Amino acid sequence: MSEFKPCPFCGSVNLRIAGGPVYVECNDCAAYGPSAGYENKVTLLEMRAKAIALWEKASEKTDRANAELASLRGELAKVTQQRDAAETRSENIARQAICLEAQRDTLRA
């Protein structure tokens, strides 16, 4: 099991710690998280932990954005359905009007 959250872009768990400024990188899509940077008097293990924490934070933001996007797509689907239903009603009313005009013209003749 990976010690990181999956890549927020491709879902891969094929991740690694990389770089001179330490960061988490996805080996599948090449996405990478924020850099833990170079800090004096900080051990590599501390920088590694910081890089993982930054990756997790970025991943959580992406998860929230994806959830909001899914919600907006759901709302768009509802509005699209309502629009399509209104267009169908409008077309039906137009057909009824044409039929009524034809009946009226027949009765006048």
PDB file of N, CA and C in Angstrom:
ATOM      1  N   MET A   1       0.838  -1.180   0.000  1.00  0.00           N
ATOM      2  CA  MET A   1       0.000   0.000   0.000  1.00  0.00           C
ATOM      3  C   MET A   1       0.888   1.250   0.000  1.00  0.00           C
ATOM      4  N   SER A   2       0.485   2.241  -0.756  1.00  0.00           N
ATOM      5  CA  SER A   2       1.259   3.468  -0.868  1.00  0.00           C
ATOM      6  C   SER A   2       1.139   4.293   0.409  1.00  0.00           C
ATOM      7  N   GLU A   3       2.199   5.015   0.751  1.00  0.00           N
ATOM      8  CA  GLU A   3       2.153   5.885   1.917  1.00  0.00           C
ATOM      9  C   GLU A   3       1.560   7.239   1.568  1.00  0.00           C
ATOM     10  N   PHE A   4       1.253   7.449   0.298  1.00  0.00           N
ATOM     11  CA  PHE A   4       0.700   8.705  -0.180  1.00  0.00           C
ATOM     12  C   PHE A   4      -0.754   8.523  -0.592  1.00  0.00           C
ATOM     13  N   LYS A   5      -1.477   9.632  -0.627  1.00  0.00           N
ATOM     14  CA  LYS A   5      -2.799   9.589  -1.246  1.00  0.00           C
ATOM     15  C   LYS A   5      -2.567   9.390  -2.749  1.00  0.00           C
ATOM     16  N   PRO A   6      -3.520   8.780  -3.462  1.00  0.00           N
ATOM     17  CA  PRO A   6      -3.348   8.608  -4.913  1.00  0.00           C
ATOM     18  C   PRO A   6      -3.212   9.959  -5.612  1.00  0.00           C
ATOM     19  N   CYS A   7      -2.634   9.922  -6.786  1.00  0.00           N
ATOM     20  CA  CYS A   7      -2.473  11.133  -7.584  1.00  0.00           C
ATOM     21  C   CYS A   7      -3.857  11.731  -7.854  1.00  0.00           C
ATOM     22  N   PRO A   8      -4.053  13.017  -7.560  1.00  0.00           N
ATOM     23  CA  PRO A   8      -5.363  13.626  -7.766  1.00  0.00           C
ATOM     24  C   PRO A   8      -5.684  13.839  -9.253  1.00  0.00           C
ATOM     25  N   PHE A   9      -4.708  13.660 -10.127  1.00  0.00           N
ATOM     26  CA  PHE A   9      -4.932  13.894 -11.546  1.00  0.00           C
ATOM     27  C   PHE A   9      -5.236  12.609 -12.312  1.00  0.00           C
ATOM     28  N   CYS A  10      -4.513  11.538 -11.987  1.00  0.00           N
ATOM     29  CA  CYS A  10      -4.728  10.293 -12.736  1.00  0.00           C
ATOM     30  C   CYS A  10      -5.143   9.120 -11.847  1.00  0.00           C
ATOM     31  N   GLY A  11      -5.098   9.293 -10.525  1.00  0.00           N
ATOM     32  CA  GLY A  11      -5.510   8.238  -9.603  1.00  0.00           C
ATOM     33  C   GLY A  11      -4.441   7.203  -9.298  1.00  0.00           C
ATOM     34  N   SER A  12      -3.282   7.349  -9.891  1.00  0.00           N
ATOM     35  CA  SER A  12      -2.208   6.378  -9.696  1.00  0.00           C
ATOM     36  C   SER A  12      -1.674   6.411  -8.261  1.00  0.00           C
ATOM     37  N   VAL A  13      -1.228   5.259  -7.802  1.00  0.00           N
ATOM     38  CA  VAL A  13      -0.523   5.182  -6.518  1.00  0.00           C
ATOM     39  C   VAL A  13       0.967   4.943  -6.758  1.00  0.00           C
ATOM     40  N   ASN A  14       1.376   5.035  -8.016  1.00  0.00           N
ATOM     41  CA  ASN A  14       2.773   4.860  -8.404  1.00  0.00           C
ATOM     42  C   ASN A  14       3.491   6.209  -8.219  1.00  0.00           C
ATOM     43  N   LEU A  15       3.806   6.530  -6.967  1.00  0.00           N
ATOM     44  CA  LEU A  15       4.362   7.827  -6.600  1.00  0.00           C
ATOM     45  C   LEU A  15       5.735   7.655  -5.977  1.00  0.00           C
ATOM     46  N   ARG A  16       6.499   8.745  -5.973  1.00  0.00           N
ATOM     47  CA  ARG A  16       7.833   8.684  -5.373  1.00  0.00           C
ATOM     48  C   ARG A  16       8.214  10.043  -4.825  1.00  0.00           C
ATOM     49  N   ILE A  17       9.174  10.036  -3.912  1.00  0.00           N
ATOM     50  CA  ILE A  17       9.792  11.262  -3.431  1.00  0.00           C
ATOM     51  C   ILE A  17      10.898  11.589  -4.426  1.00  0.00           C
ATOM     52  N   ALA A  18      10.964  12.846  -4.875  1.00  0.00           N
ATOM     53  CA  ALA A  18      11.937  13.214  -5.899  1.00  0.00           C
ATOM     54  C   ALA A  18      12.554  14.567  -5.588  1.00  0.00           C
ATOM     55  N   GLY A  19      13.522  14.918  -6.390  1.00  0.00           N
ATOM     56  CA  GLY A  19      14.040  16.261  -6.449  1.00  0.00           C
ATOM     57  C   GLY A  19      15.121  16.614  -5.464  1.00  0.00           C
ATOM     58  N   GLY A  20      15.728  17.781  -5.766  1.00  0.00           N
ATOM     59  CA  GLY A  20      16.670  18.409  -4.841  1.00  0.00           C
ATOM     60  C   GLY A  20      15.841  19.139  -3.806  1.00  0.00           C
ATOM     61  N   PRO A  21      14.975  20.103  -4.252  1.00  0.00           N
ATOM     62  CA  PRO A  21      13.931  20.506  -3.309  1.00  0.00           C
ATOM     63  C   PRO A  21      12.943  19.338  -3.299  1.00  0.00           C
ATOM     64  N   VAL A  22      12.744  18.741  -2.179  1.00  0.00           N
ATOM     65  CA  VAL A  22      12.007  17.483  -2.083  1.00  0.00           C
ATOM     66  C   VAL A  22      10.525  17.684  -2.391  1.00  0.00           C
ATOM     67  N   TYR A  23       9.956  16.808  -3.220  1.00  0.00           N
ATOM     68  CA  TYR A  23       8.537  16.835  -3.561  1.00  0.00           C
ATOM     69  C   TYR A  23       8.065  15.427  -3.909  1.00  0.00           C
ATOM     70  N   VAL A  24       6.755  15.246  -3.943  1.00  0.00           N
ATOM     71  CA  VAL A  24       6.169  13.968  -4.345  1.00  0.00           C
ATOM     72  C   VAL A  24       5.840  14.069  -5.831  1.00  0.00           C
ATOM     73  N   GLU A  25       6.157  13.014  -6.583  1.00  0.00           N
ATOM     74  CA  GLU A  25       5.917  13.007  -8.021  1.00  0.00           C
ATOM     75  C   GLU A  25       5.177  11.738  -8.415  1.00  0.00           C
ATOM     76  N   CYS A  26       4.242  11.869  -9.352  1.00  0.00           N
ATOM     77  CA  CYS A  26       3.533  10.710  -9.905  1.00  0.00           C
ATOM     78  C   CYS A  26       4.371  10.135 -11.039  1.00  0.00           C
ATOM     79  N   ASN A  27       4.655   8.859 -10.975  1.00  0.00           N
ATOM     80  CA  ASN A  27       5.445   8.219 -12.020  1.00  0.00           C
ATOM     81  C   ASN A  27       4.636   7.938 -13.282  1.00  0.00           C
ATOM     82  N   ASP A  28       3.300   8.029 -13.202  1.00  0.00           N
ATOM     83  CA  ASP A  28       2.476   7.728 -14.365  1.00  0.00           C
ATOM     84  C   ASP A  28       2.143   8.960 -15.201  1.00  0.00           C
ATOM     85  N   CYS A  29       1.754  10.064 -14.544  1.00  0.00           N
ATOM     86  CA  CYS A  29       1.357  11.252 -15.323  1.00  0.00           C
ATOM     87  C   CYS A  29       2.312  12.427 -15.146  1.00  0.00           C
ATOM     88  N   ALA A  30       3.334  12.256 -14.329  1.00  0.00           N
ATOM     89  CA  ALA A  30       4.367  13.271 -14.085  1.00  0.00           C
ATOM     90  C   ALA A  30       3.877  14.482 -13.293  1.00  0.00           C
ATOM     91  N   ALA A  31       2.693  14.402 -12.707  1.00  0.00           N
ATOM     92  CA  ALA A  31       2.242  15.488 -11.826  1.00  0.00           C
ATOM     93  C   ALA A  31       3.129  15.497 -10.600  1.00  0.00           C
ATOM     94  N   TYR A  32       3.303  16.670 -10.022  1.00  0.00           N
ATOM     95  CA  TYR A  32       4.103  16.740  -8.805  1.00  0.00           C
ATOM     96  C   TYR A  32       3.514  17.749  -7.845  1.00  0.00           C
ATOM     97  N   GLY A  33       3.796  17.523  -6.578  1.00  0.00           N
ATOM     98  CA  GLY A  33       3.262  18.370  -5.533  1.00  0.00           C
ATOM     99  C   GLY A  33       4.183  19.529  -5.227  1.00  0.00           C
ATOM    100  N   PRO A  34       3.762  20.361  -4.295  1.00  0.00           N
ATOM    101  CA  PRO A  34       4.582  21.501  -3.894  1.00  0.00           C
ATOM    102  C   PRO A  34       5.917  21.029  -3.321  1.00  0.00           C
ATOM    103  N   SER A  35       6.915  21.858  -3.493  1.00  0.00           N
ATOM    104  CA  SER A  35       8.251  21.537  -3.012  1.00  0.00           C
ATOM    105  C   SER A  35       8.374  21.813  -1.523  1.00  0.00           C
ATOM    106  N   ALA A  36       9.041  20.898  -0.842  1.00  0.00           N
ATOM    107  CA  ALA A  36       9.339  21.116   0.571  1.00  0.00           C
ATOM    108  C   ALA A  36      10.511  22.086   0.709  1.00  0.00           C
ATOM    109  N   GLY A  37      11.208  22.365  -0.385  1.00  0.00           N
ATOM    110  CA  GLY A  37      12.271  23.363  -0.410  1.00  0.00           C
ATOM    111  C   GLY A  37      13.565  22.899   0.219  1.00  0.00           C
ATOM    112  N   TYR A  38      14.486  23.820   0.250  1.00  0.00           N
ATOM    113  CA  TYR A  38      15.771  23.597   0.909  1.00  0.00           C
ATOM    114  C   TYR A  38      15.750  24.375   2.207  1.00  0.00           C
ATOM    115  N   GLU A  39      15.956  23.719   3.290  1.00  0.00           N
ATOM    116  CA  GLU A  39      15.992  24.428   4.565  1.00  0.00           C
ATOM    117  C   GLU A  39      17.230  23.995   5.330  1.00  0.00           C
ATOM    118  N   ASN A  40      17.883  24.946   5.908  1.00  0.00           N
ATOM    119  CA  ASN A  40      19.056  24.633   6.729  1.00  0.00           C
ATOM    120  C   ASN A  40      18.624  23.936   8.009  1.00  0.00           C
ATOM    121  N   LYS A  41      19.466  23.083   8.491  1.00  0.00           N
ATOM    122  CA  LYS A  41      19.257  22.384   9.760  1.00  0.00           C
ATOM    123  C   LYS A  41      17.986  21.522   9.759  1.00  0.00           C
ATOM    124  N   VAL A  42      17.579  21.075   8.608  1.00  0.00           N
ATOM    125  CA  VAL A  42      16.425  20.181   8.503  1.00  0.00           C
ATOM    126  C   VAL A  42      16.924  18.886   7.883  1.00  0.00           C
ATOM    127  N   THR A  43      16.557  17.790   8.498  1.00  0.00           N
ATOM    128  CA  THR A  43      17.017  16.508   7.976  1.00  0.00           C
ATOM    129  C   THR A  43      16.220  16.130   6.736  1.00  0.00           C
ATOM    130  N   LEU A  44      16.787  15.221   5.981  1.00  0.00           N
ATOM    131  CA  LEU A  44      16.107  14.731   4.781  1.00  0.00           C
ATOM    132  C   LEU A  44      14.771  14.090   5.150  1.00  0.00           C
ATOM    133  N   LEU A  45      14.736  13.395   6.288  1.00  0.00           N
ATOM    134  CA  LEU A  45      13.474  12.783   6.719  1.00  0.00           C
ATOM    135  C   LEU A  45      12.416  13.842   7.016  1.00  0.00           C
ATOM    136  N   GLU A  46      12.824  14.961   7.603  1.00  0.00           N
ATOM    137  CA  GLU A  46      11.875  16.044   7.876  1.00  0.00           C
ATOM    138  C   GLU A  46      11.371  16.671   6.577  1.00  0.00           C
ATOM    139  N   MET A  47      12.289  16.860   5.617  1.00  0.00           N
ATOM    140  CA  MET A  47      11.877  17.408   4.319  1.00  0.00           C
ATOM    141  C   MET A  47      10.952  16.430   3.598  1.00  0.00           C
ATOM    142  N   ARG A  48      11.253  15.146   3.717  1.00  0.00           N
ATOM    143  CA  ARG A  48      10.403  14.109   3.110  1.00  0.00           C
ATOM    144  C   ARG A  48       9.004  14.164   3.720  1.00  0.00           C
ATOM    145  N   ALA A  49       8.927  14.265   5.044  1.00  0.00           N
ATOM    146  CA  ALA A  49       7.631  14.342   5.728  1.00  0.00           C
ATOM    147  C   ALA A  49       6.878  15.598   5.308  1.00  0.00           C
ATOM    148  N   LYS A  50       7.611  16.707   5.168  1.00  0.00           N
ATOM    149  CA  LYS A  50       6.972  17.952   4.733  1.00  0.00           C
ATOM    150  C   LYS A  50       6.439  17.815   3.306  1.00  0.00           C
ATOM    151  N   ALA A  51       7.217  17.191   2.425  1.00  0.00           N
ATOM    152  CA  ALA A  51       6.783  16.993   1.038  1.00  0.00           C
ATOM    153  C   ALA A  51       5.514  16.148   0.992  1.00  0.00           C
ATOM    154  N   ILE A  52       5.456  15.103   1.811  1.00  0.00           N
ATOM    155  CA  ILE A  52       4.266  14.249   1.857  1.00  0.00           C
ATOM    156  C   ILE A  52       3.073  15.033   2.379  1.00  0.00           C
ATOM    157  N   ALA A  53       3.285  15.846   3.419  1.00  0.00           N
ATOM    158  CA  ALA A  53       2.192  16.664   3.972  1.00  0.00           C
ATOM    159  C   ALA A  53       1.678  17.657   2.938  1.00  0.00           C
ATOM    160  N   LEU A  54       2.584  18.270   2.181  1.00  0.00           N
ATOM    161  CA  LEU A  54       2.171  19.210   1.131  1.00  0.00           C
ATOM    162  C   LEU A  54       1.391  18.503   0.029  1.00  0.00           C
ATOM    163  N   TRP A  55       1.826  17.285  -0.337  1.00  0.00           N
ATOM    164  CA  TRP A  55       1.117  16.481  -1.337  1.00  0.00           C
ATOM    165  C   TRP A  55      -0.301  16.174  -0.852  1.00  0.00           C
ATOM    166  N   GLU A  56      -0.415  15.767   0.398  1.00  0.00           N
ATOM    167  CA  GLU A  56      -1.728  15.435   0.975  1.00  0.00           C
ATOM    168  C   GLU A  56      -2.641  16.661   0.941  1.00  0.00           C
ATOM    169  N   LYS A  57      -2.097  17.819   1.303  1.00  0.00           N
ATOM    170  CA  LYS A  57      -2.885  19.052   1.325  1.00  0.00           C
ATOM    171  C   LYS A  57      -3.354  19.402  -0.089  1.00  0.00           C
ATOM    172  N   ALA A  58      -2.460  19.305  -1.066  1.00  0.00           N
ATOM    173  CA  ALA A  58      -2.829  19.595  -2.459  1.00  0.00           C
ATOM    174  C   ALA A  58      -3.864  18.587  -2.950  1.00  0.00           C
ATOM    175  N   SER A  59      -3.701  17.332  -2.546  1.00  0.00           N
ATOM    176  CA  SER A  59      -4.639  16.286  -2.948  1.00  0.00           C
ATOM    177  C   SER A  59      -6.028  16.551  -2.369  1.00  0.00           C
ATOM    178  N   GLU A  60      -6.083  17.000  -1.109  1.00  0.00           N
ATOM    179  CA  GLU A  60      -7.374  17.311  -0.480  1.00  0.00           C
ATOM    180  C   GLU A  60      -8.068  18.472  -1.190  1.00  0.00           C
ATOM    181  N   LYS A  61      -7.296  19.494  -1.587  1.00  0.00           N
ATOM    182  CA  LYS A  61      -7.874  20.618  -2.329  1.00  0.00           C
ATOM    183  C   LYS A  61      -8.441  20.131  -3.662  1.00  0.00           C
ATOM    184  N   THR A  62      -7.710  19.247  -4.322  1.00  0.00           N
ATOM    185  CA  THR A  62      -8.182  18.709  -5.595  1.00  0.00           C
ATOM    186  C   THR A  62      -9.434  17.871  -5.390  1.00  0.00           C
ATOM    187  N   ASP A  63      -9.470  17.093  -4.308  1.00  0.00           N
ATOM    188  CA  ASP A  63     -10.668  16.294  -4.004  1.00  0.00           C
ATOM    189  C   ASP A  63     -11.884  17.199  -3.813  1.00  0.00           C
ATOM    190  N   ARG A  64     -11.710  18.304  -3.077  1.00  0.00           N
ATOM    191  CA  ARG A  64     -12.822  19.242  -2.865  1.00  0.00           C
ATOM    192  C   ARG A  64     -13.261  19.875  -4.186  1.00  0.00           C
ATOM    193  N   ALA A  65     -12.288  20.249  -5.012  1.00  0.00           N
ATOM    194  CA  ALA A  65     -12.607  20.848  -6.312  1.00  0.00           C
ATOM    195  C   ALA A  65     -13.339  19.842  -7.198  1.00  0.00           C
ATOM    196  N   ASN A  66     -12.904  18.582  -7.183  1.00  0.00           N
ATOM    197  CA  ASN A  66     -13.573  17.546  -7.974  1.00  0.00           C
ATOM    198  C   ASN A  66     -15.000  17.305  -7.491  1.00  0.00           C
ATOM    199  N   ALA A  67     -15.203  17.344  -6.165  1.00  0.00           N
ATOM    200  CA  ALA A  67     -16.555  17.170  -5.615  1.00  0.00           C
ATOM    201  C   ALA A  67     -17.451  18.328  -6.038  1.00  0.00           C
ATOM    202  N   GLU A  68     -16.923  19.545  -5.996  1.00  0.00           N
ATOM    203  CA  GLU A  68     -17.705  20.711  -6.418  1.00  0.00           C
ATOM    204  C   GLU A  68     -18.019  20.628  -7.909  1.00  0.00           C
ATOM    205  N   LEU A  69     -17.045  20.202  -8.701  1.00  0.00           N
ATOM    206  CA  LEU A  69     -17.256  20.040 -10.134  1.00  0.00           C
ATOM    207  C   LEU A  69     -18.339  19.011 -10.415  1.00  0.00           C
ATOM    208  N   ALA A  70     -18.325  17.895  -9.695  1.00  0.00           N
ATOM    209  CA  ALA A  70     -19.354  16.866  -9.877  1.00  0.00           C
ATOM    210  C   ALA A  70     -20.733  17.420  -9.522  1.00  0.00           C
ATOM    211  N   SER A  71     -20.806  18.213  -8.458  1.00  0.00           N
ATOM    212  CA  SER A  71     -22.069  18.829  -8.061  1.00  0.00           C
ATOM    213  C   SER A  71     -22.572  19.774  -9.143  1.00  0.00           C
ATOM    214  N   LEU A  72     -21.675  20.587  -9.679  1.00  0.00           N
ATOM    215  CA  LEU A  72     -22.063  21.527 -10.740  1.00  0.00           C
ATOM    216  C   LEU A  72     -22.498  20.796 -12.006  1.00  0.00           C
ATOM    217  N   ARG A  73     -21.832  19.689 -12.311  1.00  0.00           N
ATOM    218  CA  ARG A  73     -22.245  18.901 -13.483  1.00  0.00           C
ATOM    219  C   ARG A  73     -23.645  18.325 -13.277  1.00  0.00           C
ATOM    220  N   GLY A  74     -23.947  17.903 -12.037  1.00  0.00           N
ATOM    221  CA  GLY A  74     -25.282  17.405 -11.726  1.00  0.00           C
ATOM    222  C   GLY A  74     -26.334  18.491 -11.898  1.00  0.00           C
ATOM    223  N   GLU A  75     -26.027  19.690 -11.408  1.00  0.00           N
ATOM    224  CA  GLU A  75     -26.954  20.813 -11.562  1.00  0.00           C
ATOM    225  C   GLU A  75     -27.149  21.150 -13.034  1.00  0.00           C
ATOM    226  N   LEU A  76     -26.065  21.130 -13.810  1.00  0.00           N
ATOM    227  CA  LEU A  76     -26.162  21.400 -15.240  1.00  0.00           C
ATOM    228  C   LEU A  76     -27.044  20.364 -15.943  1.00  0.00           C
ATOM    229  N   ALA A  77     -26.904  19.107 -15.550  1.00  0.00           N
ATOM    230  CA  ALA A  77     -27.737  18.056 -16.151  1.00  0.00           C
ATOM    231  C   ALA A  77     -29.216  18.306 -15.869  1.00  0.00           C
ATOM    232  N   LYS A  78     -29.543  18.737 -14.630  1.00  0.00           N
ATOM    233  CA  LYS A  78     -30.941  19.032 -14.286  1.00  0.00           C
ATOM    234  C   LYS A  78     -31.476  20.190 -15.112  1.00  0.00           C
ATOM    235  N   VAL A  79     -30.680  21.258 -15.220  1.00  0.00           N
ATOM    236  CA  VAL A  79     -31.110  22.435 -15.990  1.00  0.00           C
ATOM    237  C   VAL A  79     -31.270  22.070 -17.461  1.00  0.00           C
ATOM    238  N   THR A  80     -30.365  21.248 -17.970  1.00  0.00           N
ATOM    239  CA  THR A  80     -30.459  20.814 -19.372  1.00  0.00           C
ATOM    240  C   THR A  80     -31.735  20.007 -19.596  1.00  0.00           C
ATOM    241  N   GLN A  81     -32.077  19.133 -18.643  1.00  0.00           N
ATOM    242  CA  GLN A  81     -33.321  18.356 -18.741  1.00  0.00           C
ATOM    243  C   GLN A  81     -34.530  19.279 -18.744  1.00  0.00           C
ATOM    244  N   GLN A  82     -34.521  20.262 -17.863  1.00  0.00           N
ATOM    245  CA  GLN A  82     -35.632  21.210 -17.792  1.00  0.00           C
ATOM    246  C   GLN A  82     -35.750  21.995 -19.090  1.00  0.00           C
ATOM    247  N   ARG A  83     -34.618  22.425 -19.644  1.00  0.00           N
ATOM    248  CA  ARG A  83     -34.639  23.152 -20.913  1.00  0.00           C
ATOM    249  C   ARG A  83     -35.197  22.281 -22.031  1.00  0.00           C
ATOM    250  N   ASP A  84     -34.739  21.024 -22.083  1.00  0.00           N
ATOM    251  CA  ASP A  84     -35.220  20.117 -23.123  1.00  0.00           C
ATOM    252  C   ASP A  84     -36.720  19.874 -22.989  1.00  0.00           C
ATOM    253  N   ALA A  85     -37.189  19.730 -21.756  1.00  0.00           N
ATOM    254  CA  ALA A  85     -38.625  19.532 -21.535  1.00  0.00           C
ATOM    255  C   ALA A  85     -39.408  20.767 -21.974  1.00  0.00           C
ATOM    256  N   ALA A  86     -38.879  21.961 -21.686  1.00  0.00           N
ATOM    257  CA  ALA A  86     -39.550  23.200 -22.095  1.00  0.00           C
ATOM    258  C   ALA A  86     -39.577  23.320 -23.613  1.00  0.00           C
ATOM    259  N   GLU A  87     -38.494  22.941 -24.273  1.00  0.00           N
ATOM    260  CA  GLU A  87     -38.458  22.975 -25.744  1.00  0.00           C
ATOM    261  C   GLU A  87     -39.479  22.011 -26.327  1.00  0.00           C
ATOM    262  N   THR A  88     -39.584  20.840 -25.722  1.00  0.00           N
ATOM    263  CA  THR A  88     -40.567  19.856 -26.195  1.00  0.00           C
ATOM    264  C   THR A  88     -41.984  20.397 -26.033  1.00  0.00           C
ATOM    265  N   ARG A  89     -42.275  21.004 -24.875  1.00  0.00           N
ATOM    266  CA  ARG A  89     -43.606  21.599 -24.659  1.00  0.00           C
ATOM    267  C   ARG A  89     -43.875  22.699 -25.673  1.00  0.00           C
ATOM    268  N   SER A  90     -42.872  23.516 -25.943  1.00  0.00           N
ATOM    269  CA  SER A  90     -43.016  24.604 -26.902  1.00  0.00           C
ATOM    270  C   SER A  90     -43.304  24.057 -28.305  1.00  0.00           C
ATOM    271  N   GLU A  91     -42.591  23.005 -28.683  1.00  0.00           N
ATOM    272  CA  GLU A  91     -42.826  22.383 -29.995  1.00  0.00           C
ATOM    273  C   GLU A  91     -44.238  21.806 -30.071  1.00  0.00           C
ATOM    274  N   ASN A  92     -44.681  21.174 -28.990  1.00  0.00           N
ATOM    275  CA  ASN A  92     -46.041  20.613 -28.964  1.00  0.00           C
ATOM    276  C   ASN A  92     -47.093  21.715 -29.089  1.00  0.00           C
ATOM    277  N   ILE A  93     -46.889  22.821 -28.409  1.00  0.00           N
ATOM    278  CA  ILE A  93     -47.835  23.941 -28.484  1.00  0.00           C
ATOM    279  C   ILE A  93     -47.861  24.504 -29.895  1.00  0.00           C
ATOM    280  N   ALA A  94     -46.702  24.614 -30.528  1.00  0.00           N
ATOM    281  CA  ALA A  94     -46.639  25.122 -31.901  1.00  0.00           C
ATOM    282  C   ALA A  94     -47.397  24.198 -32.855  1.00  0.00           C
ATOM    283  N   ARG A  95     -47.242  22.883 -32.675  1.00  0.00           N
ATOM    284  CA  ARG A  95     -47.973  21.922 -33.529  1.00  0.00           C
ATOM    285  C   ARG A  95     -49.480  22.039 -33.308  1.00  0.00           C
ATOM    286  N   GLN A  96     -49.872  22.185 -32.040  1.00  0.00           N
ATOM    287  CA  GLN A  96     -51.306  22.341 -31.734  1.00  0.00           C
ATOM    288  C   GLN A  96     -51.852  23.613 -32.369  1.00  0.00           C
ATOM    289  N   ALA A  97     -51.072  24.685 -32.340  1.00  0.00           N
ATOM    290  CA  ALA A  97     -51.507  25.948 -32.940  1.00  0.00           C
ATOM    291  C   ALA A  97     -51.691  25.778 -34.442  1.00  0.00           C
ATOM    292  N   ILE A  98     -50.787  25.069 -35.096  1.00  0.00           N
ATOM    293  CA  ILE A  98     -50.907  24.827 -36.546  1.00  0.00           C
ATOM    294  C   ILE A  98     -52.163  24.020 -36.839  1.00  0.00           C
ATOM    295  N   CYS A  99     -52.420  22.994 -36.016  1.00  0.00           N
ATOM    296  CA  CYS A  99     -53.622  22.170 -36.208  1.00  0.00           C
ATOM    297  C   CYS A  99     -54.889  23.006 -36.009  1.00  0.00           C
ATOM    298  N   LEU A 100     -54.906  23.837 -34.985  1.00  0.00           N
ATOM    299  CA  LEU A 100     -56.079  24.685 -34.725  1.00  0.00           C
ATOM    300  C   LEU A 100     -56.302  25.679 -35.852  1.00  0.00           C
ATOM    301  N   GLU A 101     -55.217  26.247 -36.388  1.00  0.00           N
ATOM    302  CA  GLU A 101     -55.346  27.159 -37.519  1.00  0.00           C
ATOM    303  C   GLU A 101     -55.911  26.432 -38.732  1.00  0.00           C
ATOM    304  N   ALA A 102     -55.458  25.209 -38.959  1.00  0.00           N
ATOM    305  CA  ALA A 102     -55.967  24.425 -40.094  1.00  0.00           C
ATOM    306  C   ALA A 102     -57.449  24.118 -39.906  1.00  0.00           C
ATOM    307  N   GLN A 103     -57.836  23.763 -38.670  1.00  0.00           N
ATOM    308  CA  GLN A 103     -59.266  23.487 -38.394  1.00  0.00           C
ATOM    309  C   GLN A 103     -60.107  24.757 -38.580  1.00  0.00           C
ATOM    310  N   ARG A 104     -59.583  25.889 -38.108  1.00  0.00           N
ATOM    311  CA  ARG A 104     -60.286  27.152 -38.256  1.00  0.00           C
ATOM    312  C   ARG A 104     -60.493  27.471 -39.739  1.00  0.00           C
ATOM    313  N   ASP A 105     -59.421  27.295 -40.533  1.00  0.00           N
ATOM    314  CA  ASP A 105     -59.507  27.580 -41.957  1.00  0.00           C
ATOM    315  C   ASP A 105     -60.515  26.652 -42.637  1.00  0.00           C
ATOM    316  N   THR A 106     -60.563  25.396 -42.190  1.00  0.00           N
ATOM    317  CA  THR A 106     -61.521  24.426 -42.741  1.00  0.00           C
ATOM    318  C   THR A 106     -62.947  24.857 -42.408  1.00  0.00           C
ATOM    319  N   LEU A 107     -63.179  25.288 -41.199  1.00  0.00           N
ATOM    320  CA  LEU A 107     -64.516  25.715 -40.763  1.00  0.00           C
ATOM    321  C   LEU A 107     -64.949  26.990 -41.485  1.00  0.00           C
ATOM    322  N   ARG A 108     -64.048  27.860 -41.839  1.00  0.00           N
ATOM    323  CA  ARG A 108     -64.367  29.094 -42.545  1.00  0.00           C
ATOM    324  C   ARG A 108     -64.727  28.827 -43.993  1.00  0.00           C
ATOM    325  N   ALA A 109     -64.182  27.767 -44.537  1.00  0.00           N
ATOM    326  CA  ALA A 109     -64.405  27.506 -45.962  1.00  0.00           C
ATOM    327  C   ALA A 109     -65.775  26.970 -46.278  1.00  0.00           C
TER     328      ALA A 109
END
